[in-house]
Amino acid sequence: MERIAVYPGSFDPVTNGHLDILERALSLFDSIIVAILHNPSKKVCFSVEERIEMLTTSTRSLQGVEIDTFDGLTVEYARKRKAHAILRGMRAVSDFEYEFQLALMNRRLNRGIQTVFLMTGLRWIFTSSSIIKEAARFGGDIEDMVPPVVFRKLREKFPVGT
């Protein structure tokens, strides 16, 4: 039986921290569906199409990765995709309470789908999409925190010196 995980998130944009989690999770799962949550009420920097493009380019060299989008409950999406697990990355203790509550709710909704937490590498522990966007907006050097395609897209959105 193939071990499938869903890695949900907004990925607005994908960071090297996300990729770190994904690469390490590939040793645990046969395939991982990176699932971009489409939430029309959430203010995002990049369109779903742009996020698909950035993720596709950033994961091109990784075997067993699929990029998809969804709306609604993650656990329901995972069930439909025949996944056995929901993959979640954690950076710091501050992530734990929310992620723990979410995992318990998902377990209540579907006991057959496990939540697997991976800690991000120490290099990325203080990296988040929100912080990266904020730094990029004000001309900060974020080149080593994101894949090259994301760096280019952020520079297009937030030209330095404007």
N, C-alpha and C. Protein backbone atom coordinates (compact mmCIF):
# COMPACT_ATOMS: atom_id res chain seq x y z
N MET A 1 0.85 -1.19 0.00
CA MET A 1 0.00 0.00 0.00
C MET A 1 0.89 1.24 0.00
N GLU A 2 0.60 2.13 -0.92
CA GLU A 2 1.38 3.36 -1.03
C GLU A 2 1.10 4.28 0.15
N ARG A 3 2.16 4.83 0.73
CA ARG A 3 2.04 5.77 1.85
C ARG A 3 1.98 7.18 1.27
N ILE A 4 0.78 7.79 1.38
CA ILE A 4 0.53 9.11 0.80
C ILE A 4 0.28 10.11 1.93
N ALA A 5 0.89 11.27 1.82
CA ALA A 5 0.65 12.36 2.77
C ALA A 5 0.19 13.59 2.01
N VAL A 6 -0.62 14.37 2.67
CA VAL A 6 -1.02 15.68 2.16
C VAL A 6 -0.29 16.73 2.99
N TYR A 7 0.38 17.65 2.31
CA TYR A 7 1.10 18.75 2.96
C TYR A 7 0.33 20.03 2.62
N PRO A 8 -0.63 20.42 3.49
CA PRO A 8 -1.47 21.57 3.17
C PRO A 8 -0.85 22.90 3.63
N GLY A 9 -1.26 23.96 2.97
CA GLY A 9 -0.83 25.27 3.39
C GLY A 9 -1.19 26.31 2.35
N SER A 10 -0.93 27.56 2.70
CA SER A 10 -1.18 28.62 1.72
C SER A 10 0.02 28.77 0.79
N PHE A 11 1.22 28.50 1.29
CA PHE A 11 2.44 28.58 0.49
C PHE A 11 2.49 29.91 -0.27
N ASP A 12 2.29 30.99 0.49
CA ASP A 12 2.20 32.33 -0.08
C ASP A 12 3.35 33.22 0.40
N PRO A 13 4.57 33.00 -0.08
CA PRO A 13 5.04 32.01 -1.04
C PRO A 13 5.69 30.82 -0.33
N VAL A 14 6.08 29.83 -1.14
CA VAL A 14 6.84 28.70 -0.62
C VAL A 14 8.22 29.22 -0.19
N THR A 15 8.71 28.69 0.92
CA THR A 15 10.02 29.09 1.45
C THR A 15 10.95 27.88 1.48
N ASN A 16 12.21 28.14 1.76
CA ASN A 16 13.15 27.04 1.92
C ASN A 16 12.80 26.19 3.15
N GLY A 17 12.13 26.78 4.11
CA GLY A 17 11.65 26.01 5.27
C GLY A 17 10.61 24.99 4.85
N HIS A 18 9.68 25.39 3.98
CA HIS A 18 8.69 24.44 3.45
C HIS A 18 9.39 23.30 2.71
N LEU A 19 10.37 23.66 1.88
CA LEU A 19 11.07 22.65 1.09
C LEU A 19 11.88 21.71 1.98
N ASP A 20 12.42 22.24 3.07
CA ASP A 20 13.15 21.41 4.03
C ASP A 20 12.23 20.33 4.61
N ILE A 21 11.05 20.72 5.02
CA ILE A 21 10.06 19.77 5.55
C ILE A 21 9.70 18.75 4.47
N LEU A 22 9.43 19.21 3.28
CA LEU A 22 9.01 18.35 2.18
C LEU A 22 10.10 17.32 1.84
N GLU A 23 11.33 17.78 1.70
CA GLU A 23 12.42 16.87 1.35
C GLU A 23 12.62 15.79 2.41
N ARG A 24 12.56 16.16 3.67
CA ARG A 24 12.74 15.17 4.74
C ARG A 24 11.54 14.23 4.83
N ALA A 25 10.35 14.73 4.55
CA ALA A 25 9.15 13.89 4.60
C ALA A 25 9.13 12.85 3.49
N LEU A 26 9.82 13.11 2.41
CA LEU A 26 9.86 12.15 1.31
C LEU A 26 10.55 10.84 1.72
N SER A 27 11.32 10.87 2.79
CA SER A 27 11.91 9.62 3.28
C SER A 27 10.90 8.81 4.10
N LEU A 28 9.79 9.44 4.46
CA LEU A 28 8.75 8.77 5.26
C LEU A 28 7.56 8.32 4.42
N PHE A 29 7.34 8.98 3.29
CA PHE A 29 6.16 8.72 2.47
C PHE A 29 6.58 8.41 1.03
N ASP A 30 5.76 7.62 0.36
CA ASP A 30 6.01 7.31 -1.05
C ASP A 30 5.69 8.51 -1.93
N SER A 31 4.64 9.22 -1.57
CA SER A 31 4.29 10.43 -2.32
C SER A 31 3.66 11.45 -1.38
N ILE A 32 3.86 12.69 -1.75
CA ILE A 32 3.32 13.81 -0.96
C ILE A 32 2.60 14.75 -1.91
N ILE A 33 1.37 15.06 -1.54
CA ILE A 33 0.57 16.03 -2.29
C ILE A 33 0.69 17.36 -1.57
N VAL A 34 1.37 18.31 -2.19
CA VAL A 34 1.45 19.66 -1.65
C VAL A 34 0.15 20.34 -2.06
N ALA A 35 -0.70 20.59 -1.08
CA ALA A 35 -2.05 21.06 -1.35
C ALA A 35 -2.20 22.53 -0.93
N ILE A 36 -2.36 23.38 -1.91
CA ILE A 36 -2.52 24.81 -1.67
C ILE A 36 -3.97 25.07 -1.30
N LEU A 37 -4.17 25.60 -0.12
CA LEU A 37 -5.51 25.93 0.33
C LEU A 37 -6.00 27.17 -0.41
N HIS A 38 -7.13 27.01 -1.06
CA HIS A 38 -7.76 28.14 -1.75
C HIS A 38 -8.83 28.70 -0.81
N ASN A 39 -8.51 29.84 -0.23
CA ASN A 39 -9.41 30.47 0.72
C ASN A 39 -9.67 31.90 0.24
N PRO A 40 -10.82 32.14 -0.43
CA PRO A 40 -11.08 33.46 -1.00
C PRO A 40 -11.14 34.59 0.04
N SER A 41 -11.38 34.25 1.29
CA SER A 41 -11.48 35.30 2.31
C SER A 41 -10.11 35.69 2.87
N LYS A 42 -9.06 34.94 2.53
CA LYS A 42 -7.72 35.25 3.03
C LYS A 42 -6.99 36.15 2.05
N LYS A 43 -6.40 37.20 2.56
CA LYS A 43 -5.63 38.13 1.72
C LYS A 43 -4.26 37.50 1.44
N VAL A 44 -3.99 37.30 0.15
CA VAL A 44 -2.72 36.68 -0.23
C VAL A 44 -1.95 37.62 -1.16
N CYS A 45 -0.67 37.36 -1.26
CA CYS A 45 0.21 38.15 -2.12
C CYS A 45 0.21 37.59 -3.54
N PHE A 46 0.19 36.26 -3.64
CA PHE A 46 0.28 35.60 -4.93
C PHE A 46 -1.01 34.83 -5.23
N SER A 47 -1.40 34.83 -6.49
CA SER A 47 -2.58 34.07 -6.89
C SER A 47 -2.31 32.57 -6.75
N VAL A 48 -3.36 31.78 -6.76
CA VAL A 48 -3.20 30.32 -6.70
C VAL A 48 -2.34 29.85 -7.87
N GLU A 49 -2.57 30.41 -9.05
CA GLU A 49 -1.80 30.02 -10.23
C GLU A 49 -0.31 30.32 -10.05
N GLU A 50 0.00 31.49 -9.48
CA GLU A 50 1.40 31.84 -9.23
C GLU A 50 2.02 30.90 -8.20
N ARG A 51 1.28 30.55 -7.18
CA ARG A 51 1.79 29.64 -6.16
C ARG A 51 2.01 28.24 -6.73
N ILE A 52 1.11 27.79 -7.60
CA ILE A 52 1.30 26.50 -8.27
C ILE A 52 2.59 26.54 -9.09
N GLU A 53 2.77 27.61 -9.84
CA GLU A 53 3.98 27.74 -10.67
C GLU A 53 5.24 27.72 -9.81
N MET A 54 5.25 28.49 -8.72
CA MET A 54 6.44 28.55 -7.87
C MET A 54 6.72 27.20 -7.21
N LEU A 55 5.68 26.53 -6.75
CA LEU A 55 5.87 25.21 -6.14
C LEU A 55 6.31 24.17 -7.17
N THR A 56 5.72 24.19 -8.33
CA THR A 56 6.09 23.24 -9.38
C THR A 56 7.56 23.40 -9.75
N THR A 57 7.98 24.64 -9.95
CA THR A 57 9.37 24.91 -10.29
C THR A 57 10.30 24.52 -9.14
N SER A 58 9.92 24.83 -7.91
CA SER A 58 10.77 24.59 -6.75
C SER A 58 10.90 23.12 -6.39
N THR A 59 9.93 22.29 -6.82
CA THR A 59 9.96 20.87 -6.46
C THR A 59 10.26 19.98 -7.66
N ARG A 60 10.62 20.56 -8.76
CA ARG A 60 10.83 19.82 -10.00
C ARG A 60 11.80 18.64 -9.83
N SER A 61 12.81 18.81 -9.02
CA SER A 61 13.83 17.74 -8.86
C SER A 61 13.42 16.68 -7.83
N LEU A 62 12.30 16.85 -7.18
CA LEU A 62 11.87 15.91 -6.14
C LEU A 62 10.91 14.88 -6.71
N GLN A 63 11.24 13.61 -6.52
CA GLN A 63 10.39 12.52 -6.98
C GLN A 63 9.27 12.29 -5.96
N GLY A 64 8.06 12.04 -6.44
CA GLY A 64 6.96 11.71 -5.55
C GLY A 64 6.19 12.90 -5.02
N VAL A 65 6.35 14.06 -5.65
CA VAL A 65 5.65 15.27 -5.20
C VAL A 65 4.63 15.68 -6.26
N GLU A 66 3.42 15.96 -5.80
CA GLU A 66 2.36 16.46 -6.66
C GLU A 66 1.87 17.78 -6.08
N ILE A 67 1.56 18.72 -6.93
CA ILE A 67 1.02 20.02 -6.50
C ILE A 67 -0.46 20.04 -6.86
N ASP A 68 -1.29 20.46 -5.90
CA ASP A 68 -2.73 20.51 -6.13
C ASP A 68 -3.30 21.66 -5.30
N THR A 69 -4.56 21.94 -5.51
CA THR A 69 -5.27 22.95 -4.71
C THR A 69 -6.53 22.32 -4.14
N PHE A 70 -7.03 22.93 -3.08
CA PHE A 70 -8.28 22.45 -2.49
C PHE A 70 -8.91 23.57 -1.68
N ASP A 71 -10.18 23.38 -1.37
CA ASP A 71 -10.85 24.24 -0.40
C ASP A 71 -11.64 23.33 0.52
N GLY A 72 -12.03 23.85 1.64
CA GLY A 72 -12.75 23.02 2.60
C GLY A 72 -11.82 22.42 3.64
N LEU A 73 -12.26 21.31 4.22
CA LEU A 73 -11.52 20.66 5.29
C LEU A 73 -10.34 19.86 4.74
N THR A 74 -9.19 20.05 5.33
CA THR A 74 -8.00 19.31 4.92
C THR A 74 -8.20 17.82 5.08
N VAL A 75 -8.79 17.41 6.19
CA VAL A 75 -8.96 15.98 6.45
C VAL A 75 -9.90 15.35 5.42
N GLU A 76 -10.87 16.09 4.94
CA GLU A 76 -11.77 15.59 3.90
C GLU A 76 -11.03 15.49 2.56
N TYR A 77 -10.22 16.48 2.26
CA TYR A 77 -9.40 16.43 1.05
C TYR A 77 -8.46 15.23 1.11
N ALA A 78 -7.83 15.01 2.26
CA ALA A 78 -6.91 13.88 2.42
C ALA A 78 -7.64 12.55 2.19
N ARG A 79 -8.85 12.44 2.71
CA ARG A 79 -9.64 11.22 2.52
C ARG A 79 -9.92 10.99 1.03
N LYS A 80 -10.33 12.04 0.35
CA LYS A 80 -10.64 11.93 -1.08
C LYS A 80 -9.41 11.52 -1.90
N ARG A 81 -8.24 11.96 -1.46
CA ARG A 81 -7.00 11.65 -2.18
C ARG A 81 -6.37 10.34 -1.69
N LYS A 82 -7.06 9.64 -0.78
CA LYS A 82 -6.58 8.36 -0.24
C LYS A 82 -5.25 8.49 0.49
N ALA A 83 -5.08 9.64 1.15
CA ALA A 83 -3.86 9.87 1.94
C ALA A 83 -4.01 9.24 3.32
N HIS A 84 -2.89 8.86 3.88
CA HIS A 84 -2.86 8.27 5.21
C HIS A 84 -2.46 9.28 6.28
N ALA A 85 -1.91 10.41 5.83
CA ALA A 85 -1.40 11.37 6.80
C ALA A 85 -1.52 12.78 6.27
N ILE A 86 -1.57 13.69 7.23
CA ILE A 86 -1.48 15.12 6.96
C ILE A 86 -0.14 15.55 7.53
N LEU A 87 0.69 16.13 6.69
CA LEU A 87 2.02 16.57 7.08
C LEU A 87 1.97 18.03 7.51
N ARG A 88 2.53 18.30 8.68
CA ARG A 88 2.57 19.68 9.18
C ARG A 88 3.99 19.98 9.65
N GLY A 89 4.47 21.14 9.28
CA GLY A 89 5.78 21.59 9.75
C GLY A 89 5.61 22.51 10.94
N MET A 90 6.56 22.40 11.87
CA MET A 90 6.54 23.29 13.03
C MET A 90 7.91 23.95 13.16
N ARG A 91 7.87 25.23 13.48
CA ARG A 91 9.09 26.00 13.63
C ARG A 91 9.48 26.16 15.09
N ALA A 92 8.52 26.50 15.91
CA ALA A 92 8.83 26.85 17.29
C ALA A 92 7.67 26.43 18.18
N VAL A 93 7.87 26.55 19.46
CA VAL A 93 6.85 26.17 20.43
C VAL A 93 5.56 26.95 20.18
N SER A 94 5.68 28.16 19.67
CA SER A 94 4.49 28.98 19.43
C SER A 94 3.55 28.33 18.41
N ASP A 95 4.06 27.50 17.53
CA ASP A 95 3.22 26.79 16.56
C ASP A 95 2.44 25.64 17.21
N PHE A 96 2.96 25.12 18.31
CA PHE A 96 2.46 23.86 18.84
C PHE A 96 0.98 23.89 19.22
N GLU A 97 0.54 24.87 19.98
CA GLU A 97 -0.83 24.86 20.48
C GLU A 97 -1.85 24.83 19.34
N TYR A 98 -1.69 25.69 18.37
CA TYR A 98 -2.62 25.72 17.24
C TYR A 98 -2.58 24.40 16.47
N GLU A 99 -1.37 23.92 16.16
CA GLU A 99 -1.23 22.68 15.39
C GLU A 99 -1.79 21.48 16.15
N PHE A 100 -1.60 21.46 17.47
CA PHE A 100 -2.13 20.38 18.31
C PHE A 100 -3.66 20.37 18.26
N GLN A 101 -4.26 21.53 18.40
CA GLN A 101 -5.73 21.63 18.34
C GLN A 101 -6.25 21.18 16.98
N LEU A 102 -5.59 21.61 15.93
CA LEU A 102 -5.98 21.24 14.57
C LEU A 102 -5.87 19.72 14.38
N ALA A 103 -4.78 19.14 14.85
CA ALA A 103 -4.58 17.69 14.73
C ALA A 103 -5.66 16.92 15.49
N LEU A 104 -6.02 17.40 16.67
CA LEU A 104 -7.06 16.73 17.45
C LEU A 104 -8.42 16.81 16.76
N MET A 105 -8.72 17.95 16.17
CA MET A 105 -9.99 18.09 15.44
C MET A 105 -9.99 17.16 14.22
N ASN A 106 -8.89 17.15 13.48
CA ASN A 106 -8.82 16.27 12.32
C ASN A 106 -8.95 14.81 12.73
N ARG A 107 -8.36 14.44 13.85
CA ARG A 107 -8.46 13.06 14.34
C ARG A 107 -9.90 12.73 14.70
N ARG A 108 -10.59 13.70 15.27
CA ARG A 108 -12.00 13.50 15.63
C ARG A 108 -12.86 13.31 14.38
N LEU A 109 -12.52 14.05 13.31
CA LEU A 109 -13.29 13.99 12.07
C LEU A 109 -12.99 12.72 11.27
N ASN A 110 -11.75 12.23 11.37
CA ASN A 110 -11.39 11.02 10.64
C ASN A 110 -10.21 10.34 11.35
N ARG A 111 -10.51 9.29 12.08
CA ARG A 111 -9.49 8.59 12.86
C ARG A 111 -8.50 7.82 11.99
N GLY A 112 -8.80 7.64 10.73
CA GLY A 112 -7.93 6.89 9.85
C GLY A 112 -6.80 7.70 9.23
N ILE A 113 -6.83 9.01 9.44
CA ILE A 113 -5.79 9.88 8.88
C ILE A 113 -4.99 10.48 10.04
N GLN A 114 -3.70 10.19 10.03
CA GLN A 114 -2.82 10.66 11.10
C GLN A 114 -2.23 12.02 10.73
N THR A 115 -1.89 12.80 11.74
CA THR A 115 -1.14 14.04 11.52
C THR A 115 0.30 13.77 11.91
N VAL A 116 1.22 14.10 11.02
CA VAL A 116 2.64 13.91 11.26
C VAL A 116 3.30 15.28 11.31
N PHE A 117 3.97 15.56 12.42
CA PHE A 117 4.65 16.84 12.60
C PHE A 117 6.14 16.65 12.35
N LEU A 118 6.73 17.53 11.59
CA LEU A 118 8.18 17.58 11.42
C LEU A 118 8.66 18.96 11.82
N MET A 119 9.70 18.99 12.60
CA MET A 119 10.31 20.26 12.96
C MET A 119 11.17 20.71 11.79
N THR A 120 11.10 21.98 11.48
CA THR A 120 11.94 22.51 10.43
C THR A 120 13.39 22.52 10.90
N GLY A 121 14.30 22.53 9.96
CA GLY A 121 15.71 22.61 10.31
C GLY A 121 16.00 23.91 11.04
N LEU A 122 17.00 23.89 11.91
CA LEU A 122 17.32 25.09 12.70
C LEU A 122 17.57 26.32 11.83
N ARG A 123 18.10 26.10 10.65
CA ARG A 123 18.39 27.23 9.76
C ARG A 123 17.12 28.01 9.41
N TRP A 124 15.96 27.32 9.41
CA TRP A 124 14.72 27.95 8.96
C TRP A 124 13.73 28.20 10.09
N ILE A 125 14.15 28.05 11.32
CA ILE A 125 13.22 28.06 12.45
C ILE A 125 12.48 29.40 12.60
N PHE A 126 13.07 30.49 12.20
CA PHE A 126 12.39 31.79 12.33
C PHE A 126 11.88 32.32 10.99
N THR A 127 11.82 31.44 10.01
CA THR A 127 11.39 31.83 8.68
C THR A 127 9.91 31.52 8.50
N SER A 128 9.16 32.49 8.00
CA SER A 128 7.76 32.27 7.65
C SER A 128 7.47 33.06 6.39
N SER A 129 6.45 32.63 5.68
CA SER A 129 6.06 33.35 4.46
C SER A 129 5.75 34.81 4.76
N SER A 130 5.06 35.05 5.86
CA SER A 130 4.68 36.43 6.23
C SER A 130 5.89 37.31 6.48
N ILE A 131 6.85 36.78 7.22
CA ILE A 131 8.06 37.56 7.53
C ILE A 131 8.86 37.81 6.26
N ILE A 132 8.96 36.80 5.40
CA ILE A 132 9.70 36.96 4.15
C ILE A 132 9.04 38.02 3.27
N LYS A 133 7.71 38.00 3.16
CA LYS A 133 7.02 39.01 2.35
C LYS A 133 7.26 40.41 2.92
N GLU A 134 7.21 40.53 4.23
CA GLU A 134 7.44 41.82 4.87
C GLU A 134 8.85 42.32 4.59
N ALA A 135 9.83 41.46 4.73
CA ALA A 135 11.22 41.85 4.47
C ALA A 135 11.40 42.23 3.00
N ALA A 136 10.81 41.44 2.09
CA ALA A 136 10.91 41.74 0.66
C ALA A 136 10.27 43.08 0.32
N ARG A 137 9.14 43.36 0.95
CA ARG A 137 8.41 44.61 0.71
C ARG A 137 9.30 45.82 1.00
N PHE A 138 10.19 45.69 1.99
CA PHE A 138 11.04 46.81 2.39
C PHE A 138 12.48 46.65 1.93
N GLY A 139 12.70 45.79 0.93
CA GLY A 139 14.01 45.68 0.31
C GLY A 139 15.01 44.81 1.05
N GLY A 140 14.55 44.02 2.01
CA GLY A 140 15.45 43.15 2.76
C GLY A 140 16.01 42.03 1.88
N ASP A 141 17.17 41.54 2.27
CA ASP A 141 17.83 40.48 1.52
C ASP A 141 17.27 39.12 1.95
N ILE A 142 16.40 38.56 1.15
CA ILE A 142 15.72 37.30 1.47
C ILE A 142 16.13 36.20 0.48
N GLU A 143 17.14 36.46 -0.32
CA GLU A 143 17.49 35.54 -1.41
C GLU A 143 17.81 34.13 -0.93
N ASP A 144 18.46 33.98 0.22
CA ASP A 144 18.82 32.64 0.69
C ASP A 144 17.71 31.98 1.51
N MET A 145 16.55 32.61 1.62
CA MET A 145 15.43 32.06 2.38
C MET A 145 14.34 31.44 1.52
N VAL A 146 14.43 31.66 0.22
CA VAL A 146 13.40 31.20 -0.71
C VAL A 146 14.05 30.60 -1.95
N PRO A 147 13.33 29.74 -2.66
CA PRO A 147 13.85 29.23 -3.93
C PRO A 147 14.03 30.38 -4.93
N PRO A 148 14.94 30.22 -5.90
CA PRO A 148 15.21 31.30 -6.87
C PRO A 148 13.96 31.85 -7.56
N VAL A 149 13.02 30.99 -7.95
CA VAL A 149 11.81 31.45 -8.63
C VAL A 149 10.99 32.37 -7.71
N VAL A 150 10.96 32.07 -6.44
CA VAL A 150 10.22 32.89 -5.48
C VAL A 150 10.93 34.23 -5.29
N PHE A 151 12.25 34.19 -5.21
CA PHE A 151 13.00 35.44 -5.08
C PHE A 151 12.69 36.38 -6.25
N ARG A 152 12.71 35.82 -7.47
CA ARG A 152 12.41 36.64 -8.66
C ARG A 152 10.99 37.21 -8.59
N LYS A 153 10.03 36.37 -8.21
CA LYS A 153 8.62 36.83 -8.13
C LYS A 153 8.45 37.90 -7.06
N LEU A 154 9.13 37.74 -5.93
CA LEU A 154 9.03 38.76 -4.88
C LEU A 154 9.65 40.07 -5.34
N ARG A 155 10.74 40.01 -6.08
CA ARG A 155 11.37 41.23 -6.60
C ARG A 155 10.45 41.92 -7.62
N GLU A 156 9.71 41.13 -8.39
CA GLU A 156 8.74 41.70 -9.33
C GLU A 156 7.62 42.41 -8.58
N LYS A 157 7.15 41.79 -7.50
CA LYS A 157 6.04 42.37 -6.71
C LYS A 157 6.51 43.60 -5.92
N PHE A 158 7.73 43.50 -5.39
CA PHE A 158 8.26 44.56 -4.53
C PHE A 158 9.63 45.00 -5.04
N PRO A 159 9.66 45.78 -6.13
CA PRO A 159 10.94 46.23 -6.66
C PRO A 159 11.73 47.01 -5.61
N VAL A 160 13.01 46.74 -5.52
CA VAL A 160 13.87 47.41 -4.55
C VAL A 160 13.96 48.89 -4.92
N GLY A 161 13.82 49.74 -3.91
CA GLY A 161 13.94 51.17 -4.13
C GLY A 161 12.65 51.88 -4.51
N THR A 162 11.52 51.16 -4.41
CA THR A 162 10.25 51.82 -4.75
C THR A 162 9.42 52.06 -3.51
